[in-house]
Amino acid sequence: MSSADTKYPKAQNYINGQFTSNDNPTMDVFSPLDGSTIGAVPLSKGKTLDEAVAAAKNAFPAWSGLTLKERVQFFFKFRTLLEVNKDELSLLVHRENGKTTGEAAAEVSKGIELCEFACSLPQIIHDEIQEVSRGVECRTSHHPVGIVACITPFNFPHMVPLWTIPNALALGNCMVLKPSEMVPLSAIRIAELLKEAGIPDGVFNIVHGDKEIVEAICDHPDIEAVSFVGSTRVAKIVYQRATHNLKRCIALGGAKNHLIVLPDAHVQMTASNVAASMSGCAGQRCMAASAMVAVGKSDHIIDELCKEARKIVPGKNLGSVISLEAKARIERYIDEAEAAGAKILVDGRNTNVAGHENGYYVGPTIIDHVSPDMAIAQEEVFGPVIAIMRANNVDEALKIENNSKYGNAAAVFTQNGSMAKYVTQHASAGMVGVNIGVPVPREPFSFGGWNESKFGVNDITGKSSVEFFTKVKKTTTKWNPEDKTNWMS
């Protein structure tokens, strides 16, 4: 079914358990599959954010007053609803983001896993209690920070909101979500399912918008914490502005993930992994392989990689990029690399898909003999493109990787265990893989990079997120004045 066959109602803000209409201006929402208009989204003003925050503040005392175990019961129900509605949710992601149906289904499955982790929080969070001196007991306990705001990107309209929603709410916070204005529809469906699961009104709210709402979130005096996922340029701005206003903030930015390929690597496994990593989600993920460093005599692996890439067909097993502007930007990087002397081994420019001639497609692209000083070697392309650089040895390869300003992910492909250990120890990245093209940690391990791929402490998912979404209270108690005391009591 073409996205043109489906039109969705105008996206609305979700405040205090209700979808609300207002006089905010709107912008059209396009499906990248075929360029058709599938809806519209409001570009909200600060007044709308004020209303959402007020609803969250009103809901906070009762919601935070529940026990953790009571709050997670809602997420058992929510998880079931995600499973029941998986096909519908996957189709929605496919239409508004352009992923293949298989990739969209995988995204929804990951959202279910994230919800399952939130359901496990009562088994993970335990108060610490110790008798620190005779008759004196110290105890720590976790408390919600208050009203939190989460700003999410276009590339994972279902999964990235669920990086934060289940954990933040289960831990007792109330939330305002600002989804990307390019993909507002999945967030709306999440709100409907949270309400069906019984989440009280005001606990979760959505305010649609653009730069103006992001700035308002960073400035709002009643928002205690902000999470952001997007480009490094904007992540820096959000982090600086939010922390300037004395909020805690974690802002995840872009990436330039390097795969270091040694000559002894398993040829077929390496080629298939690298091809999948560079092209999955049309390369529009911060864990995509966008740079490969071929060490020594690795042409046999590159030849196999090209064969694998030619099996990836736009419109079949390769989705679209998000916009016409994104397509033009990606192809401009390829043009510039070629003009600078790089060799195009597989060319995905000027791609058209029959029946989707107005869609935004870039085919898989492999560029060899890229020098580290080229823009395509340094900057995030965010498309199904991989730049191959050459190195004589592993230390040269690591130097190239270490010189990147980013630090989200890195991987090494080799059958040599000691060499794999050496690379994982010396790669400057927060997530590292061995013979894995997309080294995303699974729950309960947390997601987060280094360097200019992340600003702030802690990570956004897993156990690390508990520290971001809670504050720790320390209580010291003494009841027996007759006990002997010393300087500690």
Protein backbone atom coordinates (compact mmCIF):
# COMPACT_ATOMS: atom_id res chain seq x y z
CA MET A 1 0.00 0.00 0.00
CA SER A 2 1.33 3.45 -0.92
CA SER A 3 1.49 6.05 1.82
CA ALA A 4 -0.64 8.15 -0.50
CA ASP A 5 -3.50 5.76 0.23
CA THR A 6 -3.54 6.86 3.86
CA LYS A 7 -4.09 10.29 5.36
CA TYR A 8 -3.90 10.79 9.09
CA PRO A 9 -5.81 13.39 11.08
CA LYS A 10 -3.93 16.55 11.95
CA ALA A 11 -1.55 15.81 14.78
CA GLN A 12 -2.63 17.40 18.04
CA ASN A 13 -0.90 18.19 21.28
CA TYR A 14 -1.70 15.82 24.13
CA ILE A 15 -2.19 17.61 27.44
CA ASN A 16 -3.72 16.29 30.64
CA GLY A 17 -5.02 13.17 28.93
CA GLN A 18 -6.72 14.99 26.06
CA PHE A 19 -5.80 15.81 22.48
CA THR A 20 -6.22 19.53 22.11
CA SER A 21 -6.84 21.80 19.14
CA ASN A 22 -5.55 25.36 19.14
CA ASP A 23 -4.64 28.18 16.81
CA ASN A 24 -0.99 27.22 16.38
CA PRO A 25 0.29 27.31 12.80
CA THR A 26 0.84 23.94 11.15
CA MET A 27 3.25 22.30 8.74
CA ASP A 28 2.60 19.35 6.45
CA VAL A 29 3.93 15.90 7.23
CA PHE A 30 5.28 13.98 4.22
CA SER A 31 5.90 10.28 3.76
CA PRO A 32 9.43 9.81 2.42
CA LEU A 33 8.26 6.65 0.67
CA ASP A 34 6.62 8.62 -2.12
CA GLY A 35 6.66 12.27 -1.09
CA SER A 36 2.93 12.35 -0.43
CA THR A 37 1.36 14.49 2.28
CA ILE A 38 0.03 12.23 5.03
CA GLY A 39 -0.89 14.76 7.70
CA ALA A 40 -0.08 18.01 9.44
CA VAL A 41 1.51 18.96 12.74
CA PRO A 42 1.13 22.08 14.89
CA LEU A 43 4.12 24.34 15.49
CA SER A 44 3.22 25.14 19.07
CA LYS A 45 4.06 28.24 21.04
CA GLY A 46 5.33 28.67 24.57
CA LYS A 47 1.82 29.00 25.99
CA THR A 48 1.07 25.43 24.95
CA LEU A 49 4.19 24.21 26.75
CA ASP A 50 3.10 26.10 29.86
CA GLU A 51 -0.22 24.23 29.77
CA ALA A 52 1.51 20.87 29.44
CA VAL A 53 3.94 21.58 32.26
CA ALA A 54 1.09 22.76 34.49
CA ALA A 55 -0.75 19.49 33.84
CA ALA A 56 2.39 17.52 34.67
CA LYS A 57 2.92 19.50 37.89
CA ASN A 58 -0.66 18.85 38.93
CA ALA A 59 -0.30 15.10 38.32
CA PHE A 60 3.12 14.77 39.94
CA PRO A 61 2.19 14.52 43.67
CA ALA A 62 -0.20 11.59 43.23
CA TRP A 63 1.94 9.81 40.62
CA SER A 64 5.20 10.13 42.56
CA GLY A 65 3.32 9.12 45.71
CA LEU A 66 2.73 5.64 44.33
CA THR A 67 5.33 3.01 45.01
CA LEU A 68 7.66 1.96 42.24
CA LYS A 69 6.01 -1.44 42.18
CA GLU A 70 2.59 0.18 41.75
CA ARG A 71 3.78 2.39 38.90
CA VAL A 72 5.35 -0.41 36.89
CA GLN A 73 2.02 -2.27 36.83
CA PHE A 74 0.87 0.25 34.22
CA PHE A 75 3.84 -0.66 32.07
CA PHE A 76 3.05 -4.35 32.15
CA LYS A 77 -0.27 -3.36 30.57
CA PHE A 78 1.43 -0.96 28.16
CA ARG A 79 3.89 -3.64 27.07
CA THR A 80 0.99 -5.96 26.27
CA LEU A 81 -0.67 -3.23 24.20
CA LEU A 82 2.55 -2.69 22.24
CA GLU A 83 2.61 -6.39 21.43
CA VAL A 84 -1.07 -6.51 20.44
CA ASN A 85 -0.69 -3.45 18.20
CA LYS A 86 2.74 -4.29 16.82
CA ASP A 87 1.68 -4.57 13.17
CA GLU A 88 -0.16 -1.26 13.23
CA LEU A 89 2.70 0.51 15.01
CA SER A 90 5.23 -0.92 12.55
CA LEU A 91 3.20 0.24 9.55
CA LEU A 92 2.98 3.71 11.04
CA VAL A 93 6.77 3.90 11.42
CA HIS A 94 7.18 2.63 7.85
CA ARG A 95 4.90 5.31 6.45
CA GLU A 96 6.11 8.33 8.35
CA ASN A 97 9.83 7.50 8.47
CA GLY A 98 10.42 5.48 5.30
CA LYS A 99 12.00 2.41 6.90
CA THR A 100 11.35 -0.97 5.36
CA THR A 101 8.52 -2.87 7.03
CA GLY A 102 11.04 -5.28 8.56
CA GLU A 103 13.11 -2.45 10.04
CA ALA A 104 9.97 -0.80 11.37
CA ALA A 105 8.90 -4.04 13.05
CA ALA A 106 12.36 -4.39 14.61
CA GLU A 107 12.06 -0.85 15.97
CA VAL A 108 8.75 -1.67 17.63
CA SER A 109 10.23 -4.88 19.06
CA LYS A 110 13.06 -2.86 20.61
CA GLY A 111 10.44 -0.57 22.14
CA ILE A 112 8.85 -3.61 23.76
CA GLU A 113 12.23 -4.62 25.20
CA LEU A 114 12.70 -1.12 26.62
CA CYS A 115 9.32 -1.37 28.30
CA GLU A 116 10.24 -4.76 29.74
CA PHE A 117 13.30 -3.21 31.35
CA ALA A 118 11.12 -0.58 33.04
CA CYS A 119 8.95 -3.37 34.40
CA SER A 120 12.05 -4.89 35.99
CA LEU A 121 13.03 -1.72 37.89
CA PRO A 122 11.69 -2.96 41.27
CA GLN A 123 14.14 -5.84 41.02
CA ILE A 124 17.02 -3.51 40.12
CA ILE A 125 16.62 -0.54 42.45
CA HIS A 126 17.24 -1.31 46.10
CA ASP A 127 17.75 1.08 48.98
CA GLU A 128 21.14 0.70 50.63
CA ILE A 129 21.07 0.38 54.42
CA GLN A 130 24.04 0.07 56.73
CA GLU A 131 24.67 0.42 60.46
CA VAL A 132 27.53 2.89 60.18
CA SER A 133 28.11 3.17 63.92
CA ARG A 134 26.62 1.65 67.03
CA GLY A 135 22.93 2.53 66.97
CA VAL A 136 23.27 4.71 63.88
CA GLU A 137 21.84 3.66 60.52
CA CYS A 138 22.36 5.29 57.10
CA ARG A 139 20.00 4.68 54.19
CA THR A 140 19.83 5.83 50.57
CA SER A 141 16.61 6.06 48.55
CA HIS A 142 15.80 7.13 44.98
CA HIS A 143 13.28 9.89 44.32
CA PRO A 144 11.96 11.31 41.03
CA VAL A 145 13.46 14.59 39.87
CA GLY A 146 10.04 16.05 38.97
CA ILE A 147 8.95 17.27 35.53
CA VAL A 148 11.18 16.06 32.71
CA ALA A 149 11.18 16.86 29.00
CA CYS A 150 12.36 14.57 26.23
CA ILE A 151 13.17 15.82 22.72
CA THR A 152 13.35 13.04 20.14
CA PRO A 153 14.54 12.78 16.49
CA PHE A 154 13.01 11.64 13.20
CA ASN A 155 15.04 8.49 12.66
CA PHE A 156 13.39 6.30 15.32
CA PRO A 157 9.92 7.79 15.90
CA HIS A 158 8.78 4.87 18.07
CA MET A 159 11.91 3.53 19.75
CA VAL A 160 13.70 6.68 20.89
CA PRO A 161 10.66 8.05 22.79
CA LEU A 162 10.59 4.68 24.55
CA TRP A 163 14.23 5.11 25.53
CA THR A 164 12.90 7.56 28.10
CA ILE A 165 9.12 7.27 28.61
CA PRO A 166 8.92 3.93 30.50
CA ASN A 167 11.92 4.52 32.78
CA ALA A 168 11.23 8.18 33.51
CA LEU A 169 7.57 7.60 34.33
CA ALA A 170 8.08 4.34 36.23
CA LEU A 171 10.63 6.16 38.40
CA GLY A 172 7.92 8.66 39.37
CA ASN A 173 8.52 11.61 37.05
CA CYS A 174 5.94 13.32 34.84
CA MET A 175 6.88 14.13 31.26
CA VAL A 176 6.51 16.45 28.30
CA LEU A 177 7.59 14.82 25.03
CA LYS A 178 8.58 16.93 22.00
CA PRO A 179 8.81 14.54 19.04
CA SER A 180 10.37 15.51 15.74
CA GLU A 181 7.90 17.56 13.74
CA MET A 182 8.80 15.38 10.74
CA VAL A 183 7.42 12.19 12.39
CA PRO A 184 4.71 13.12 14.92
CA LEU A 185 2.35 10.20 14.34
CA SER A 186 4.06 7.39 16.30
CA ALA A 187 4.24 9.58 19.41
CA ILE A 188 0.50 10.20 19.22
CA ARG A 189 -0.20 6.48 19.09
CA ILE A 190 2.10 5.93 22.08
CA ALA A 191 0.05 8.49 24.03
CA GLU A 192 -3.17 6.67 23.16
CA LEU A 193 -1.78 3.34 24.33
CA LEU A 194 -0.43 4.84 27.57
CA LYS A 195 -3.90 6.17 28.31
CA GLU A 196 -5.41 2.78 27.50
CA ALA A 197 -2.90 1.23 29.92
CA GLY A 198 -4.30 3.49 32.66
CA ILE A 199 -1.55 6.08 33.03
CA PRO A 200 -3.25 8.98 34.87
CA ASP A 201 -3.98 12.20 33.02
CA GLY A 202 -1.15 14.72 33.11
CA VAL A 203 1.61 12.19 33.77
CA PHE A 204 2.50 12.09 30.07
CA ASN A 205 2.06 14.99 27.67
CA ILE A 206 3.05 15.81 24.08
CA VAL A 207 3.82 19.26 22.69
CA HIS A 208 4.58 19.37 18.97
CA GLY A 209 6.75 22.05 17.48
CA ASP A 210 10.10 23.12 16.16
CA LYS A 211 13.05 25.16 17.41
CA GLU A 212 10.81 27.53 19.38
CA ILE A 213 9.49 24.75 21.62
CA VAL A 214 12.95 23.25 22.11
CA GLU A 215 14.19 26.62 23.35
CA ALA A 216 11.13 27.01 25.58
CA ILE A 217 11.80 23.59 27.12
CA CYS A 218 15.39 24.55 27.90
CA ASP A 219 14.21 27.80 29.52
CA HIS A 220 11.12 26.61 31.42
CA PRO A 221 11.63 27.07 35.17
CA ASP A 222 9.48 24.06 36.16
CA ILE A 223 11.26 21.49 33.97
CA GLU A 224 14.00 19.82 36.01
CA ALA A 225 15.67 17.59 33.40
CA VAL A 226 15.97 17.47 29.62
CA SER A 227 17.00 14.61 27.35
CA PHE A 228 17.76 15.24 23.70
CA VAL A 229 18.66 13.03 20.74
CA GLY A 230 19.68 14.60 17.43
CA SER A 231 22.61 16.20 15.67
CA THR A 232 25.76 17.21 17.52
CA ARG A 233 25.29 20.85 16.52
CA VAL A 234 21.88 21.04 18.17
CA ALA A 235 22.85 18.73 21.05
CA LYS A 236 25.54 21.23 22.07
CA ILE A 237 23.06 24.10 21.99
CA VAL A 238 20.45 22.20 24.01
CA TYR A 239 23.00 21.04 26.58
CA GLN A 240 24.46 24.51 27.04
CA ARG A 241 21.07 26.21 27.24
CA ALA A 242 19.49 23.66 29.57
CA THR A 243 22.43 23.50 31.96
CA HIS A 244 22.76 27.30 31.88
CA ASN A 245 19.22 27.26 33.31
CA LEU A 246 20.40 24.84 36.04
CA LYS A 247 18.71 21.74 34.64
CA ARG A 248 20.26 18.33 34.42
CA CYS A 249 20.66 17.36 30.77
CA ILE A 250 21.81 14.50 28.62
CA ALA A 251 22.11 15.33 24.92
CA LEU A 252 23.05 12.66 22.40
CA GLY A 253 24.56 13.93 19.16
CA GLY A 254 25.87 12.57 15.90
CA ALA A 255 28.45 9.96 15.03
CA LYS A 256 31.10 8.84 12.60
CA ASN A 257 31.45 5.16 13.45
CA HIS A 258 34.61 3.41 12.27
CA LEU A 259 34.80 -0.27 11.43
CA ILE A 260 38.41 -1.47 11.47
CA VAL A 261 38.78 -4.47 9.15
CA LEU A 262 41.87 -6.67 9.39
CA PRO A 263 42.96 -8.97 6.53
CA ASP A 264 42.28 -12.09 8.59
CA ALA A 265 38.62 -11.20 9.15
CA HIS A 266 36.01 -13.78 8.14
CA VAL A 267 35.24 -12.55 4.63
CA GLN A 268 31.53 -13.32 4.29
CA MET A 269 30.60 -12.43 7.85
CA THR A 270 32.49 -9.15 7.62
CA ALA A 271 31.06 -8.17 4.25
CA SER A 272 27.47 -8.90 5.24
CA ASN A 273 27.83 -7.15 8.60
CA VAL A 274 29.42 -4.03 7.14
CA ALA A 275 26.84 -3.84 4.34
CA ALA A 276 23.97 -4.18 6.81
CA SER A 277 25.49 -1.64 9.16
CA MET A 278 26.00 1.00 6.47
CA SER A 279 22.56 0.58 4.88
CA GLY A 280 20.21 -0.39 7.70
CA CYS A 281 17.54 2.26 8.26
CA ALA A 282 18.99 3.88 5.12
CA GLY A 283 22.06 4.77 7.17
CA GLN A 284 19.95 7.14 9.28
CA ARG A 285 21.03 5.92 12.70
CA CYS A 286 23.77 7.06 14.99
CA MET A 287 25.15 3.51 15.14
CA ALA A 288 25.51 3.08 11.37
CA ALA A 289 28.92 2.27 9.92
CA SER A 290 29.90 5.30 7.90
CA ALA A 291 33.69 4.81 7.83
CA MET A 292 35.67 1.64 7.25
CA VAL A 293 39.42 1.43 7.80
CA ALA A 294 40.87 -1.40 5.76
CA VAL A 295 44.15 -2.60 7.27
CA GLY A 296 46.80 -4.07 5.01
CA LYS A 297 45.79 -6.31 2.13
CA SER A 298 42.02 -6.29 2.51
CA ASP A 299 40.87 -5.97 -1.12
CA HIS A 300 39.31 -9.43 -1.04
CA ILE A 301 36.98 -8.26 1.74
CA ILE A 302 36.15 -5.02 -0.05
CA ASP A 303 35.27 -6.97 -3.21
CA GLU A 304 32.86 -9.13 -1.19
CA LEU A 305 31.42 -6.04 0.48
CA CYS A 306 30.58 -4.59 -2.94
CA LYS A 307 28.82 -7.85 -3.88
CA GLU A 308 26.74 -7.66 -0.69
CA ALA A 309 25.92 -4.00 -1.28
CA ARG A 310 24.58 -4.73 -4.77
CA LYS A 311 22.03 -7.09 -3.18
CA ILE A 312 20.53 -4.12 -1.34
CA VAL A 313 17.76 -2.70 -3.51
CA PRO A 314 16.03 0.63 -2.79
CA GLY A 315 12.30 0.16 -2.31
CA LYS A 316 12.73 -3.53 -1.47
CA ASN A 317 15.27 -4.11 1.29
CA LEU A 318 16.43 -0.49 1.54
CA GLY A 319 14.13 2.25 2.76
CA SER A 320 14.05 5.92 1.90
CA VAL A 321 15.86 8.80 3.53
CA ILE A 322 13.73 11.28 5.42
CA SER A 323 13.46 14.19 2.96
CA LEU A 324 14.37 15.56 -0.44
CA GLU A 325 16.86 17.85 1.31
CA ALA A 326 18.51 14.86 2.98
CA LYS A 327 18.82 13.07 -0.36
CA ALA A 328 20.47 16.12 -1.93
CA ARG A 329 22.87 16.53 1.00
CA ILE A 330 23.94 12.87 0.93
CA GLU A 331 24.55 12.93 -2.81
CA ARG A 332 26.53 16.16 -2.46
CA TYR A 333 28.94 14.40 -0.07
CA ILE A 334 29.42 11.64 -2.66
CA ASP A 335 30.00 14.18 -5.46
CA GLU A 336 32.59 16.04 -3.40
CA ALA A 337 34.47 12.86 -2.48
CA GLU A 338 34.62 11.78 -6.09
CA ALA A 339 35.84 15.22 -7.17
CA ALA A 340 38.56 15.03 -4.50
CA GLY A 341 39.91 11.77 -5.94
CA ALA A 342 38.05 9.02 -4.11
CA LYS A 343 36.86 6.02 -6.14
CA ILE A 344 33.15 5.15 -6.24
CA LEU A 345 32.86 1.35 -6.16
CA VAL A 346 29.08 1.17 -5.74
CA ASP A 347 27.09 4.27 -6.69
CA GLY A 348 23.67 4.97 -5.18
CA ARG A 349 23.12 8.42 -6.63
CA ASN A 350 20.14 9.34 -8.82
CA THR A 351 18.11 6.40 -7.54
CA ASN A 352 14.48 6.08 -8.60
CA VAL A 353 12.03 3.44 -7.40
CA ALA A 354 9.28 2.37 -9.79
CA GLY A 355 5.91 3.40 -8.45
CA HIS A 356 7.56 5.72 -5.93
CA GLU A 357 9.17 8.18 -8.31
CA ASN A 358 8.64 11.05 -5.86
CA GLY A 359 10.17 9.15 -2.95
CA TYR A 360 13.47 10.07 -1.33
CA TYR A 361 15.85 7.22 -2.11
CA VAL A 362 19.63 6.89 -2.13
CA GLY A 363 21.12 3.53 -3.08
CA PRO A 364 23.94 1.83 -1.16
CA THR A 365 27.21 3.62 -1.89
CA ILE A 366 30.78 2.42 -1.28
CA ILE A 367 33.62 4.90 -1.73
CA ASP A 368 37.23 3.67 -1.64
CA HIS A 369 40.54 5.46 -1.23
CA VAL A 370 39.03 8.21 0.89
CA SER A 371 41.63 10.32 2.69
CA PRO A 372 41.01 11.18 6.35
CA ASP A 373 40.92 14.90 5.58
CA MET A 374 37.92 14.65 3.23
CA ALA A 375 34.56 15.92 4.49
CA ILE A 376 32.97 12.51 3.92
CA ALA A 377 35.57 10.99 6.26
CA GLN A 378 34.98 13.50 9.03
CA GLU A 379 31.32 14.51 8.95
CA GLU A 380 28.12 12.61 9.60
CA VAL A 381 26.49 11.83 6.26
CA PHE A 382 23.41 10.03 7.65
CA GLY A 383 22.77 7.96 4.56
CA PRO A 384 23.57 4.47 3.17
CA VAL A 385 27.14 5.45 2.38
CA ILE A 386 30.46 4.11 3.64
CA ALA A 387 33.85 5.75 3.11
CA ILE A 388 36.81 3.36 3.00
CA MET A 389 40.18 4.57 4.22
CA ARG A 390 43.40 2.58 4.07
CA ALA A 391 45.90 1.88 6.85
CA ASN A 392 49.12 -0.12 6.92
CA ASN A 393 48.61 -1.42 10.45
CA VAL A 394 46.22 -1.36 13.39
CA ASP A 395 47.87 1.61 15.08
CA GLU A 396 47.40 3.70 11.94
CA ALA A 397 43.77 2.61 11.84
CA LEU A 398 43.26 3.53 15.49
CA LYS A 399 44.85 6.92 14.89
CA ILE A 400 42.24 7.60 12.21
CA GLU A 401 39.45 6.47 14.54
CA ASN A 402 40.80 8.39 17.53
CA ASN A 403 41.08 11.60 15.52
CA SER A 404 37.33 11.70 14.92
CA LYS A 405 35.53 14.31 17.01
CA TYR A 406 32.74 11.79 17.55
CA GLY A 407 32.79 8.69 19.71
CA ASN A 408 29.53 6.82 19.52
CA ALA A 409 30.59 3.40 18.22
CA ALA A 410 33.53 1.50 16.77
CA ALA A 411 34.10 -2.10 15.78
CA VAL A 412 36.89 -4.41 14.73
CA PHE A 413 36.63 -7.39 12.38
CA THR A 414 39.30 -10.02 12.96
CA GLN A 415 39.80 -13.64 13.99
CA ASN A 416 42.71 -12.66 16.27
CA GLY A 417 41.55 -12.39 19.87
CA SER A 418 44.51 -10.36 21.13
CA MET A 419 44.15 -7.90 18.26
CA ALA A 420 40.43 -7.55 18.96
CA LYS A 421 41.17 -6.80 22.61
CA TYR A 422 43.80 -4.25 21.62
CA VAL A 423 41.36 -2.36 19.40
CA THR A 424 38.50 -2.40 21.91
CA GLN A 425 40.84 -1.05 24.58
CA HIS A 426 42.16 1.78 22.42
CA ALA A 427 39.12 2.83 20.37
CA SER A 428 37.73 6.20 21.47
CA ALA A 429 34.06 5.24 21.54
CA GLY A 430 31.43 4.53 24.15
CA MET A 431 30.11 1.40 22.41
CA VAL A 432 32.51 -1.07 20.80
CA GLY A 433 31.97 -4.29 18.85
CA VAL A 434 34.01 -7.28 17.80
CA ASN A 435 32.79 -8.74 14.49
CA ILE A 436 29.53 -6.82 15.00
CA GLY A 437 28.64 -3.97 12.66
CA VAL A 438 26.08 -2.32 14.94
CA PRO A 439 27.28 -2.80 18.55
CA VAL A 440 24.11 -1.59 20.28
CA PRO A 441 23.99 -2.81 23.89
CA ARG A 442 20.87 -4.73 24.87
CA GLU A 443 19.00 -3.99 28.08
CA PRO A 444 19.99 -3.67 30.90
CA PHE A 445 23.24 -2.31 29.41
CA SER A 446 22.99 1.38 28.65
CA PHE A 447 23.21 3.35 25.40
CA GLY A 448 25.59 6.30 25.10
CA GLY A 449 28.73 7.42 23.35
CA TRP A 450 31.81 9.51 24.12
CA ASN A 451 33.33 12.77 22.92
CA GLU A 452 30.99 14.90 20.80
CA SER A 453 28.47 12.09 20.49
CA LYS A 454 27.18 12.74 24.01
CA PHE A 455 27.00 15.71 26.33
CA GLY A 456 26.27 15.14 30.00
CA VAL A 457 26.87 12.32 32.46
CA ASN A 458 25.14 8.92 32.65
CA ASP A 459 23.53 7.22 29.67
CA ILE A 460 19.99 7.50 28.36
CA THR A 461 18.85 3.86 28.76
CA GLY A 462 19.43 0.86 30.98
CA LYS A 463 20.64 0.98 34.57
CA SER A 464 22.49 4.24 33.95
CA SER A 465 19.23 6.05 33.24
CA VAL A 466 18.14 5.51 36.84
CA GLU A 467 20.77 8.01 37.98
CA PHE A 468 19.56 10.59 35.46
CA PHE A 469 15.86 10.32 36.24
CA THR A 470 16.17 10.15 40.04
CA LYS A 471 17.88 11.98 42.86
CA VAL A 472 19.27 10.17 45.88
CA LYS A 473 18.25 10.97 49.44
CA LYS A 474 20.51 9.95 52.33
CA THR A 475 18.83 9.40 55.71
CA THR A 476 20.73 8.93 58.97
CA THR A 477 18.76 7.59 61.96
CA LYS A 478 19.46 7.08 65.66
CA TRP A 479 16.89 5.92 68.22
CA ASN A 480 18.82 4.60 71.21
CA PRO A 481 20.56 7.34 73.23
CA GLU A 482 21.71 4.82 75.84
CA ASP A 483 24.11 3.14 73.38
CA LYS A 484 27.73 3.95 73.78
CA THR A 485 28.84 6.52 71.23
CA ASN A 486 32.09 7.47 69.56
CA TRP A 487 33.14 10.29 67.21
CA MET A 488 31.13 8.77 64.35
CA SER A 489 27.82 8.93 66.23
